[in-house]
Amino acid sequence: MTDSVTDANLKSIEVTPTTASITSGETQQFVATATLDDGSAVVITAVVTWKSTNRSVATISSGGLATGQRLAAVRKHTAQRLQEASRAIPRS
């Protein structure tokens, strides 16, 4: 199987779950999915930048894994690298 590159453009990015409640020490995996203008969807969790707006509440790894630091509702916070996500997305 050979990967190919598409000329499709990024239409939207969805992060799931949209919110999560975790307590101290618990984790929640977030997943980012890009929808392209050709209708295809590609998981791009590894190519977006994840950021917690309050690290005393929760931290989040580069792979989208949030870890609760204290009881709180953890919301998705992403700095989307749209140009990187829309470039050369491998497709099978």
PDB file of N, CA and C in Angstrom:
ATOM      1  N   MET A   1       0.837  -1.164   0.000  1.00  0.00           N
ATOM      2  CA  MET A   1       0.000   0.000   0.000  1.00  0.00           C
ATOM      3  C   MET A   1       0.890   1.238   0.000  1.00  0.00           C
ATOM      4  N   THR A   2       0.558   2.187  -0.829  1.00  0.00           N
ATOM      5  CA  THR A   2       1.327   3.419  -0.940  1.00  0.00           C
ATOM      6  C   THR A   2       0.477   4.592  -0.481  1.00  0.00           C
ATOM      7  N   ASP A   3       1.058   5.445   0.333  1.00  0.00           N
ATOM      8  CA  ASP A   3       0.351   6.658   0.740  1.00  0.00           C
ATOM      9  C   ASP A   3       0.394   7.648  -0.395  1.00  0.00           C
ATOM     10  N   SER A   4      -0.688   8.379  -0.541  1.00  0.00           N
ATOM     11  CA  SER A   4      -0.706   9.424  -1.555  1.00  0.00           C
ATOM     12  C   SER A   4      -1.065  10.742  -0.891  1.00  0.00           C
ATOM     13  N   VAL A   5      -0.843  11.822  -1.604  1.00  0.00           N
ATOM     14  CA  VAL A   5      -1.117  13.152  -1.081  1.00  0.00           C
ATOM     15  C   VAL A   5      -2.306  13.705  -1.839  1.00  0.00           C
ATOM     16  N   THR A   6      -3.217  14.322  -1.114  1.00  0.00           N
ATOM     17  CA  THR A   6      -4.404  14.902  -1.731  1.00  0.00           C
ATOM     18  C   THR A   6      -4.278  16.417  -1.824  1.00  0.00           C
ATOM     19  N   ASP A   7      -4.972  16.987  -2.792  1.00  0.00           N
ATOM     20  CA  ASP A   7      -5.013  18.434  -2.926  1.00  0.00           C
ATOM     21  C   ASP A   7      -6.224  19.024  -2.212  1.00  0.00           C
ATOM     22  N   ALA A   8      -6.941  18.220  -1.464  1.00  0.00           N
ATOM     23  CA  ALA A   8      -8.133  18.691  -0.755  1.00  0.00           C
ATOM     24  C   ALA A   8      -7.737  19.734   0.288  1.00  0.00           C
ATOM     25  N   ASN A   9      -8.630  20.673   0.517  1.00  0.00           N
ATOM     26  CA  ASN A   9      -8.407  21.737   1.495  1.00  0.00           C
ATOM     27  C   ASN A   9      -9.161  21.460   2.788  1.00  0.00           C
ATOM     28  N   LEU A  10      -8.630  21.998   3.863  1.00  0.00           N
ATOM     29  CA  LEU A  10      -9.258  21.845   5.169  1.00  0.00           C
ATOM     30  C   LEU A  10     -10.563  22.622   5.214  1.00  0.00           C
ATOM     31  N   LYS A  11     -11.621  21.950   5.645  1.00  0.00           N
ATOM     32  CA  LYS A  11     -12.932  22.594   5.775  1.00  0.00           C
ATOM     33  C   LYS A  11     -13.218  22.921   7.233  1.00  0.00           C
ATOM     34  N   SER A  12     -12.954  21.959   8.133  1.00  0.00           N
ATOM     35  CA  SER A  12     -13.214  22.189   9.556  1.00  0.00           C
ATOM     36  C   SER A  12     -12.407  21.220  10.398  1.00  0.00           C
ATOM     37  N   ILE A  13     -12.309  21.553  11.687  1.00  0.00           N
ATOM     38  CA  ILE A  13     -11.674  20.670  12.664  1.00  0.00           C
ATOM     39  C   ILE A  13     -12.654  20.486  13.812  1.00  0.00           C
ATOM     40  N   GLU A  14     -12.846  19.237  14.201  1.00  0.00           N
ATOM     41  CA  GLU A  14     -13.716  18.916  15.335  1.00  0.00           C
ATOM     42  C   GLU A  14     -12.872  18.257  16.415  1.00  0.00           C
ATOM     43  N   VAL A  15     -13.067  18.680  17.654  1.00  0.00           N
ATOM     44  CA  VAL A  15     -12.380  18.067  18.784  1.00  0.00           C
ATOM     45  C   VAL A  15     -13.425  17.358  19.635  1.00  0.00           C
ATOM     46  N   THR A  16     -13.159  16.092  19.940  1.00  0.00           N
ATOM     47  CA  THR A  16     -14.065  15.323  20.795  1.00  0.00           C
ATOM     48  C   THR A  16     -13.290  14.729  21.953  1.00  0.00           C
ATOM     49  N   PRO A  17     -13.893  14.615  23.128  1.00  0.00           N
ATOM     50  CA  PRO A  17     -15.198  15.184  23.451  1.00  0.00           C
ATOM     51  C   PRO A  17     -15.101  16.712  23.551  1.00  0.00           C
ATOM     52  N   THR A  18     -16.247  17.396  23.454  1.00  0.00           N
ATOM     53  CA  THR A  18     -16.228  18.848  23.527  1.00  0.00           C
ATOM     54  C   THR A  18     -15.973  19.336  24.942  1.00  0.00           C
ATOM     55  N   THR A  19     -16.394  18.589  25.933  1.00  0.00           N
ATOM     56  CA  THR A  19     -16.069  18.873  27.337  1.00  0.00           C
ATOM     57  C   THR A  19     -15.920  17.544  28.070  1.00  0.00           C
ATOM     58  N   ALA A  20     -15.233  17.594  29.185  1.00  0.00           N
ATOM     59  CA  ALA A  20     -15.059  16.394  29.999  1.00  0.00           C
ATOM     60  C   ALA A  20     -14.860  16.816  31.443  1.00  0.00           C
ATOM     61  N   SER A  21     -15.352  16.026  32.361  1.00  0.00           N
ATOM     62  CA  SER A  21     -15.118  16.279  33.781  1.00  0.00           C
ATOM     63  C   SER A  21     -14.188  15.197  34.302  1.00  0.00           C
ATOM     64  N   ILE A  22     -13.040  15.624  34.789  1.00  0.00           N
ATOM     65  CA  ILE A  22     -12.080  14.681  35.346  1.00  0.00           C
ATOM     66  C   ILE A  22     -11.596  15.228  36.680  1.00  0.00           C
ATOM     67  N   THR A  23     -11.271  14.337  37.566  1.00  0.00           N
ATOM     68  CA  THR A  23     -10.758  14.749  38.870  1.00  0.00           C
ATOM     69  C   THR A  23      -9.240  14.662  38.868  1.00  0.00           C
ATOM     70  N   SER A  24      -8.661  15.101  39.923  1.00  0.00           N
ATOM     71  CA  SER A  24      -7.215  15.105  40.050  1.00  0.00           C
ATOM     72  C   SER A  24      -6.639  13.722  39.764  1.00  0.00           C
ATOM     73  N   GLY A  25      -5.694  13.678  38.850  1.00  0.00           N
ATOM     74  CA  GLY A  25      -5.035  12.427  38.512  1.00  0.00           C
ATOM     75  C   GLY A  25      -5.717  11.633  37.415  1.00  0.00           C
ATOM     76  N   GLU A  26      -6.975  11.935  37.115  1.00  0.00           N
ATOM     77  CA  GLU A  26      -7.669  11.239  36.033  1.00  0.00           C
ATOM     78  C   GLU A  26      -7.240  11.828  34.694  1.00  0.00           C
ATOM     79  N   THR A  27      -7.443  11.038  33.635  1.00  0.00           N
ATOM     80  CA  THR A  27      -7.080  11.502  32.306  1.00  0.00           C
ATOM     81  C   THR A  27      -8.272  11.432  31.362  1.00  0.00           C
ATOM     82  N   GLN A  28      -8.195  12.217  30.325  1.00  0.00           N
ATOM     83  CA  GLN A  28      -9.191  12.212  29.253  1.00  0.00           C
ATOM     84  C   GLN A  28      -8.470  12.429  27.934  1.00  0.00           C
ATOM     85  N   GLN A  29      -8.670  11.526  27.008  1.00  0.00           N
ATOM     86  CA  GLN A  29      -8.063  11.656  25.683  1.00  0.00           C
ATOM     87  C   GLN A  29      -8.963  12.501  24.794  1.00  0.00           C
ATOM     88  N   PHE A  30      -8.395  13.537  24.179  1.00  0.00           N
ATOM     89  CA  PHE A  30      -9.106  14.335  23.195  1.00  0.00           C
ATOM     90  C   PHE A  30      -8.604  13.942  21.811  1.00  0.00           C
ATOM     91  N   VAL A  31      -9.499  13.988  20.832  1.00  0.00           N
ATOM     92  CA  VAL A  31      -9.166  13.611  19.470  1.00  0.00           C
ATOM     93  C   VAL A  31      -9.580  14.741  18.535  1.00  0.00           C
ATOM     94  N   ALA A  32      -8.678  15.149  17.651  1.00  0.00           N
ATOM     95  CA  ALA A  32      -8.971  16.174  16.647  1.00  0.00           C
ATOM     96  C   ALA A  32      -9.133  15.490  15.293  1.00  0.00           C
ATOM     97  N   THR A  33     -10.240  15.820  14.615  1.00  0.00           N
ATOM     98  CA  THR A  33     -10.517  15.252  13.300  1.00  0.00           C
ATOM     99  C   THR A  33     -10.743  16.378  12.308  1.00  0.00           C
ATOM    100  N   ALA A  34     -10.023  16.331  11.206  1.00  0.00           N
ATOM    101  CA  ALA A  34     -10.178  17.327  10.138  1.00  0.00           C
ATOM    102  C   ALA A  34     -11.155  16.799   9.106  1.00  0.00           C
ATOM    103  N   THR A  35     -12.048  17.663   8.666  1.00  0.00           N
ATOM    104  CA  THR A  35     -12.912  17.351   7.539  1.00  0.00           C
ATOM    105  C   THR A  35     -12.400  18.167   6.357  1.00  0.00           C
ATOM    106  N   LEU A  36     -12.189  17.489   5.239  1.00  0.00           N
ATOM    107  CA  LEU A  36     -11.664  18.138   4.051  1.00  0.00           C
ATOM    108  C   LEU A  36     -12.803  18.465   3.096  1.00  0.00           C
ATOM    109  N   ASP A  37     -12.542  19.383   2.171  1.00  0.00           N
ATOM    110  CA  ASP A  37     -13.608  19.806   1.271  1.00  0.00           C
ATOM    111  C   ASP A  37     -14.030  18.731   0.277  1.00  0.00           C
ATOM    112  N   ASP A  38     -13.281  17.630   0.203  1.00  0.00           N
ATOM    113  CA  ASP A  38     -13.709  16.517  -0.642  1.00  0.00           C
ATOM    114  C   ASP A  38     -14.597  15.534   0.124  1.00  0.00           C
ATOM    115  N   GLY A  39     -14.913  15.890   1.400  1.00  0.00           N
ATOM    116  CA  GLY A  39     -15.797  15.062   2.221  1.00  0.00           C
ATOM    117  C   GLY A  39     -15.088  14.043   3.082  1.00  0.00           C
ATOM    118  N   SER A  40     -13.792  13.864   2.916  1.00  0.00           N
ATOM    119  CA  SER A  40     -13.061  12.884   3.719  1.00  0.00           C
ATOM    120  C   SER A  40     -12.742  13.453   5.097  1.00  0.00           C
ATOM    121  N   ALA A  41     -12.496  12.569   6.039  1.00  0.00           N
ATOM    122  CA  ALA A  41     -12.137  12.952   7.405  1.00  0.00           C
ATOM    123  C   ALA A  41     -10.824  12.284   7.769  1.00  0.00           C
ATOM    124  N   VAL A  42      -9.957  13.052   8.447  1.00  0.00           N
ATOM    125  CA  VAL A  42      -8.635  12.553   8.816  1.00  0.00           C
ATOM    126  C   VAL A  42      -8.378  12.906  10.278  1.00  0.00           C
ATOM    127  N   VAL A  43      -7.958  11.923  11.071  1.00  0.00           N
ATOM    128  CA  VAL A  43      -7.593  12.190  12.463  1.00  0.00           C
ATOM    129  C   VAL A  43      -6.256  12.932  12.460  1.00  0.00           C
ATOM    130  N   ILE A  44      -6.248  14.114  13.089  1.00  0.00           N
ATOM    131  CA  ILE A  44      -5.048  14.965  13.080  1.00  0.00           C
ATOM    132  C   ILE A  44      -4.590  15.290  14.502  1.00  0.00           C
ATOM    133  N   THR A  45      -4.940  14.446  15.451  1.00  0.00           N
ATOM    134  CA  THR A  45      -4.605  14.675  16.853  1.00  0.00           C
ATOM    135  C   THR A  45      -3.134  15.005  17.049  1.00  0.00           C
ATOM    136  N   ALA A  46      -2.266  14.348  16.308  1.00  0.00           N
ATOM    137  CA  ALA A  46      -0.823  14.529  16.489  1.00  0.00           C
ATOM    138  C   ALA A  46      -0.271  15.799  15.833  1.00  0.00           C
ATOM    139  N   VAL A  47      -1.054  16.473  14.983  1.00  0.00           N
ATOM    140  CA  VAL A  47      -0.514  17.643  14.289  1.00  0.00           C
ATOM    141  C   VAL A  47      -1.140  18.960  14.722  1.00  0.00           C
ATOM    142  N   VAL A  48      -2.050  18.931  15.682  1.00  0.00           N
ATOM    143  CA  VAL A  48      -2.557  20.183  16.244  1.00  0.00           C
ATOM    144  C   VAL A  48      -1.793  20.479  17.523  1.00  0.00           C
ATOM    145  N   THR A  49      -1.844  21.710  17.966  1.00  0.00           N
ATOM    146  CA  THR A  49      -1.189  22.098  19.208  1.00  0.00           C
ATOM    147  C   THR A  49      -2.240  22.137  20.303  1.00  0.00           C
ATOM    148  N   TRP A  50      -2.001  21.391  21.358  1.00  0.00           N
ATOM    149  CA  TRP A  50      -2.928  21.326  22.490  1.00  0.00           C
ATOM    150  C   TRP A  50      -2.415  22.243  23.588  1.00  0.00           C
ATOM    151  N   LYS A  51      -3.337  22.975  24.235  1.00  0.00           N
ATOM    152  CA  LYS A  51      -2.932  23.893  25.283  1.00  0.00           C
ATOM    153  C   LYS A  51      -4.020  23.985  26.345  1.00  0.00           C
ATOM    154  N   SER A  52      -3.597  23.943  27.587  1.00  0.00           N
ATOM    155  CA  SER A  52      -4.504  24.176  28.710  1.00  0.00           C
ATOM    156  C   SER A  52      -4.443  25.656  29.050  1.00  0.00           C
ATOM    157  N   THR A  53      -5.615  26.266  29.213  1.00  0.00           N
ATOM    158  CA  THR A  53      -5.628  27.681  29.583  1.00  0.00           C
ATOM    159  C   THR A  53      -5.426  27.869  31.079  1.00  0.00           C
ATOM    160  N   ASN A  54      -5.488  26.772  31.840  1.00  0.00           N
ATOM    161  CA  ASN A  54      -5.261  26.858  33.281  1.00  0.00           C
ATOM    162  C   ASN A  54      -4.592  25.564  33.739  1.00  0.00           C
ATOM    163  N   ARG A  55      -3.264  25.577  33.761  1.00  0.00           N
ATOM    164  CA  ARG A  55      -2.504  24.368  34.101  1.00  0.00           C
ATOM    165  C   ARG A  55      -2.702  23.912  35.545  1.00  0.00           C
ATOM    166  N   SER A  56      -3.236  24.780  36.414  1.00  0.00           N
ATOM    167  CA  SER A  56      -3.519  24.343  37.784  1.00  0.00           C
ATOM    168  C   SER A  56      -4.782  23.491  37.826  1.00  0.00           C
ATOM    169  N   VAL A  57      -5.601  23.575  36.766  1.00  0.00           N
ATOM    170  CA  VAL A  57      -6.817  22.762  36.669  1.00  0.00           C
ATOM    171  C   VAL A  57      -6.533  21.475  35.903  1.00  0.00           C
ATOM    172  N   ALA A  58      -5.864  21.608  34.764  1.00  0.00           N
ATOM    173  CA  ALA A  58      -5.550  20.438  33.939  1.00  0.00           C
ATOM    174  C   ALA A  58      -4.370  20.752  33.038  1.00  0.00           C
ATOM    175  N   THR A  59      -3.575  19.725  32.785  1.00  0.00           N
ATOM    176  CA  THR A  59      -2.514  19.826  31.786  1.00  0.00           C
ATOM    177  C   THR A  59      -2.935  18.977  30.602  1.00  0.00           C
ATOM    178  N   ILE A  60      -2.331  19.239  29.458  1.00  0.00           N
ATOM    179  CA  ILE A  60      -2.647  18.425  28.283  1.00  0.00           C
ATOM    180  C   ILE A  60      -1.360  18.169  27.503  1.00  0.00           C
ATOM    181  N   SER A  61      -1.183  16.936  27.101  1.00  0.00           N
ATOM    182  CA  SER A  61       0.038  16.538  26.400  1.00  0.00           C
ATOM    183  C   SER A  61      -0.050  16.901  24.921  1.00  0.00           C
ATOM    184  N   SER A  62       1.071  16.773  24.236  1.00  0.00           N
ATOM    185  CA  SER A  62       1.105  17.053  22.801  1.00  0.00           C
ATOM    186  C   SER A  62       0.242  16.075  22.011  1.00  0.00           C
ATOM    187  N   GLY A  63      -0.122  14.967  22.623  1.00  0.00           N
ATOM    188  CA  GLY A  63      -0.987  13.988  21.976  1.00  0.00           C
ATOM    189  C   GLY A  63      -2.448  14.115  22.356  1.00  0.00           C
ATOM    190  N   GLY A  64      -2.812  15.185  23.086  1.00  0.00           N
ATOM    191  CA  GLY A  64      -4.210  15.426  23.427  1.00  0.00           C
ATOM    192  C   GLY A  64      -4.707  14.741  24.684  1.00  0.00           C
ATOM    193  N   LEU A  65      -3.800  14.228  25.515  1.00  0.00           N
ATOM    194  CA  LEU A  65      -4.207  13.559  26.752  1.00  0.00           C
ATOM    195  C   LEU A  65      -4.212  14.579  27.891  1.00  0.00           C
ATOM    196  N   ALA A  66      -5.420  14.878  28.399  1.00  0.00           N
ATOM    197  CA  ALA A  66      -5.570  15.824  29.502  1.00  0.00           C
ATOM    198  C   ALA A  66      -5.473  15.083  30.827  1.00  0.00           C
ATOM    199  N   THR A  67      -4.809  15.704  31.801  1.00  0.00           N
ATOM    200  CA  THR A  67      -4.694  15.146  33.135  1.00  0.00           C
ATOM    201  C   THR A  67      -5.213  16.178  34.124  1.00  0.00           C
ATOM    202  N   GLY A  68      -6.205  15.775  34.925  1.00  0.00           N
ATOM    203  CA  GLY A  68      -6.791  16.685  35.902  1.00  0.00           C
ATOM    204  C   GLY A  68      -5.828  16.973  37.035  1.00  0.00           C
ATOM    205  N   GLN A  69      -5.735  18.234  37.397  1.00  0.00           N
ATOM    206  CA  GLN A  69      -4.903  18.649  38.518  1.00  0.00           C
ATOM    207  C   GLN A  69      -5.766  18.905  39.747  1.00  0.00           C
ATOM    208  N   ARG A  70      -7.044  19.226  39.505  1.00  0.00           N
ATOM    209  CA  ARG A  70      -8.046  19.360  40.568  1.00  0.00           C
ATOM    210  C   ARG A  70      -9.404  19.237  39.900  1.00  0.00           C
ATOM    211  N   LEU A  71     -10.441  18.990  40.661  1.00  0.00           N
ATOM    212  CA  LEU A  71     -11.782  18.780  40.126  1.00  0.00           C
ATOM    213  C   LEU A  71     -12.215  19.993  39.318  1.00  0.00           C
ATOM    214  N   ALA A  72     -12.561  19.764  38.085  1.00  0.00           N
ATOM    215  CA  ALA A  72     -13.008  20.861  37.220  1.00  0.00           C
ATOM    216  C   ALA A  72     -13.519  20.290  35.910  1.00  0.00           C
ATOM    217  N   ALA A  73     -14.260  21.084  35.223  1.00  0.00           N
ATOM    218  CA  ALA A  73     -14.677  20.713  33.869  1.00  0.00           C
ATOM    219  C   ALA A  73     -13.554  21.136  32.935  1.00  0.00           C
ATOM    220  N   VAL A  74     -13.053  20.186  32.208  1.00  0.00           N
ATOM    221  CA  VAL A  74     -11.944  20.445  31.298  1.00  0.00           C
ATOM    222  C   VAL A  74     -12.530  20.688  29.913  1.00  0.00           C
ATOM    223  N   ARG A  75     -12.234  21.810  29.360  1.00  0.00           N
ATOM    224  CA  ARG A  75     -12.736  22.142  28.031  1.00  0.00           C
ATOM    225  C   ARG A  75     -11.634  21.990  27.013  1.00  0.00           C
ATOM    226  N   LYS A  76     -12.062  21.784  25.824  1.00  0.00           N
ATOM    227  CA  LYS A  76     -11.075  21.680  24.749  1.00  0.00           C
ATOM    228  C   LYS A  76     -10.445  23.036  24.501  1.00  0.00           C
ATOM    229  N   HIS A  77      -9.171  23.037  24.323  1.00  0.00           N
ATOM    230  CA  HIS A  77      -8.443  24.248  23.987  1.00  0.00           C
ATOM    231  C   HIS A  77      -7.368  23.856  22.984  1.00  0.00           C
ATOM    232  N   THR A  78      -7.522  24.324  21.785  1.00  0.00           N
ATOM    233  CA  THR A  78      -6.521  24.004  20.774  1.00  0.00           C
ATOM    234  C   THR A  78      -6.078  25.263  20.065  1.00  0.00           C
ATOM    235  N   ALA A  79      -4.812  25.298  19.766  1.00  0.00           N
ATOM    236  CA  ALA A  79      -4.302  26.304  18.843  1.00  0.00           C
ATOM    237  C   ALA A  79      -4.144  25.551  17.545  1.00  0.00           C
ATOM    238  N   GLN A  80      -4.987  25.807  16.594  1.00  0.00           N
ATOM    239  CA  GLN A  80      -5.034  25.005  15.383  1.00  0.00           C
ATOM    240  C   GLN A  80      -4.001  25.486  14.382  1.00  0.00           C
ATOM    241  N   ARG A  81      -3.171  24.573  13.956  1.00  0.00           N
ATOM    242  CA  ARG A  81      -2.193  24.867  12.915  1.00  0.00           C
ATOM    243  C   ARG A  81      -2.839  24.502  11.588  1.00  0.00           C
ATOM    244  N   LEU A  82      -3.719  25.365  11.123  1.00  0.00           N
ATOM    245  CA  LEU A  82      -4.513  25.046   9.949  1.00  0.00           C
ATOM    246  C   LEU A  82      -3.660  24.788   8.712  1.00  0.00           C
ATOM    247  N   GLN A  83      -2.608  25.557   8.526  1.00  0.00           N
ATOM    248  CA  GLN A  83      -1.795  25.334   7.336  1.00  0.00           C
ATOM    249  C   GLN A  83      -1.111  23.981   7.388  1.00  0.00           C
ATOM    250  N   GLU A  84      -0.617  23.587   8.557  1.00  0.00           N
ATOM    251  CA  GLU A  84       0.033  22.285   8.677  1.00  0.00           C
ATOM    252  C   GLU A  84      -0.975  21.168   8.472  1.00  0.00           C
ATOM    253  N   ALA A  85      -2.177  21.341   9.033  1.00  0.00           N
ATOM    254  CA  ALA A  85      -3.184  20.299   8.927  1.00  0.00           C
ATOM    255  C   ALA A  85      -3.690  20.150   7.503  1.00  0.00           C
ATOM    256  N   SER A  86      -3.708  21.225   6.751  1.00  0.00           N
ATOM    257  CA  SER A  86      -4.246  21.148   5.404  1.00  0.00           C
ATOM    258  C   SER A  86      -3.215  20.719   4.364  1.00  0.00           C
ATOM    259  N   ARG A  87      -1.953  20.719   4.745  1.00  0.00           N
ATOM    260  CA  ARG A  87      -0.901  20.263   3.840  1.00  0.00           C
ATOM    261  C   ARG A  87      -0.813  18.752   3.827  1.00  0.00           C
ATOM    262  N   ALA A  88      -0.267  18.213   2.823  1.00  0.00           N
ATOM    263  CA  ALA A  88       0.080  16.802   2.661  1.00  0.00           C
ATOM    264  C   ALA A  88      -0.455  15.876   3.737  1.00  0.00           C
ATOM    265  N   ILE A  89      -1.705  15.543   3.637  1.00  0.00           N
ATOM    266  CA  ILE A  89      -2.324  14.597   4.564  1.00  0.00           C
ATOM    267  C   ILE A  89      -2.285  13.214   3.909  1.00  0.00           C
ATOM    268  N   PRO A  90      -1.590  12.251   4.537  1.00  0.00           N
ATOM    269  CA  PRO A  90      -1.502  10.919   3.927  1.00  0.00           C
ATOM    270  C   PRO A  90      -2.878  10.263   3.838  1.00  0.00           C
ATOM    271  N   ARG A  91      -3.136   9.667   2.715  1.00  0.00           N
ATOM    272  CA  ARG A  91      -4.384   8.935   2.509  1.00  0.00           C
ATOM    273  C   ARG A  91      -4.063   7.597   1.883  1.00  0.00           C
ATOM    274  N   SER A  92      -4.848   6.628   2.228  1.00  0.00           N
ATOM    275  CA  SER A  92      -4.602   5.293   1.639  1.00  0.00           C
ATOM    276  C   SER A  92      -5.584   4.994   0.559  1.00  0.00           C
TER     277      SER A  92
END
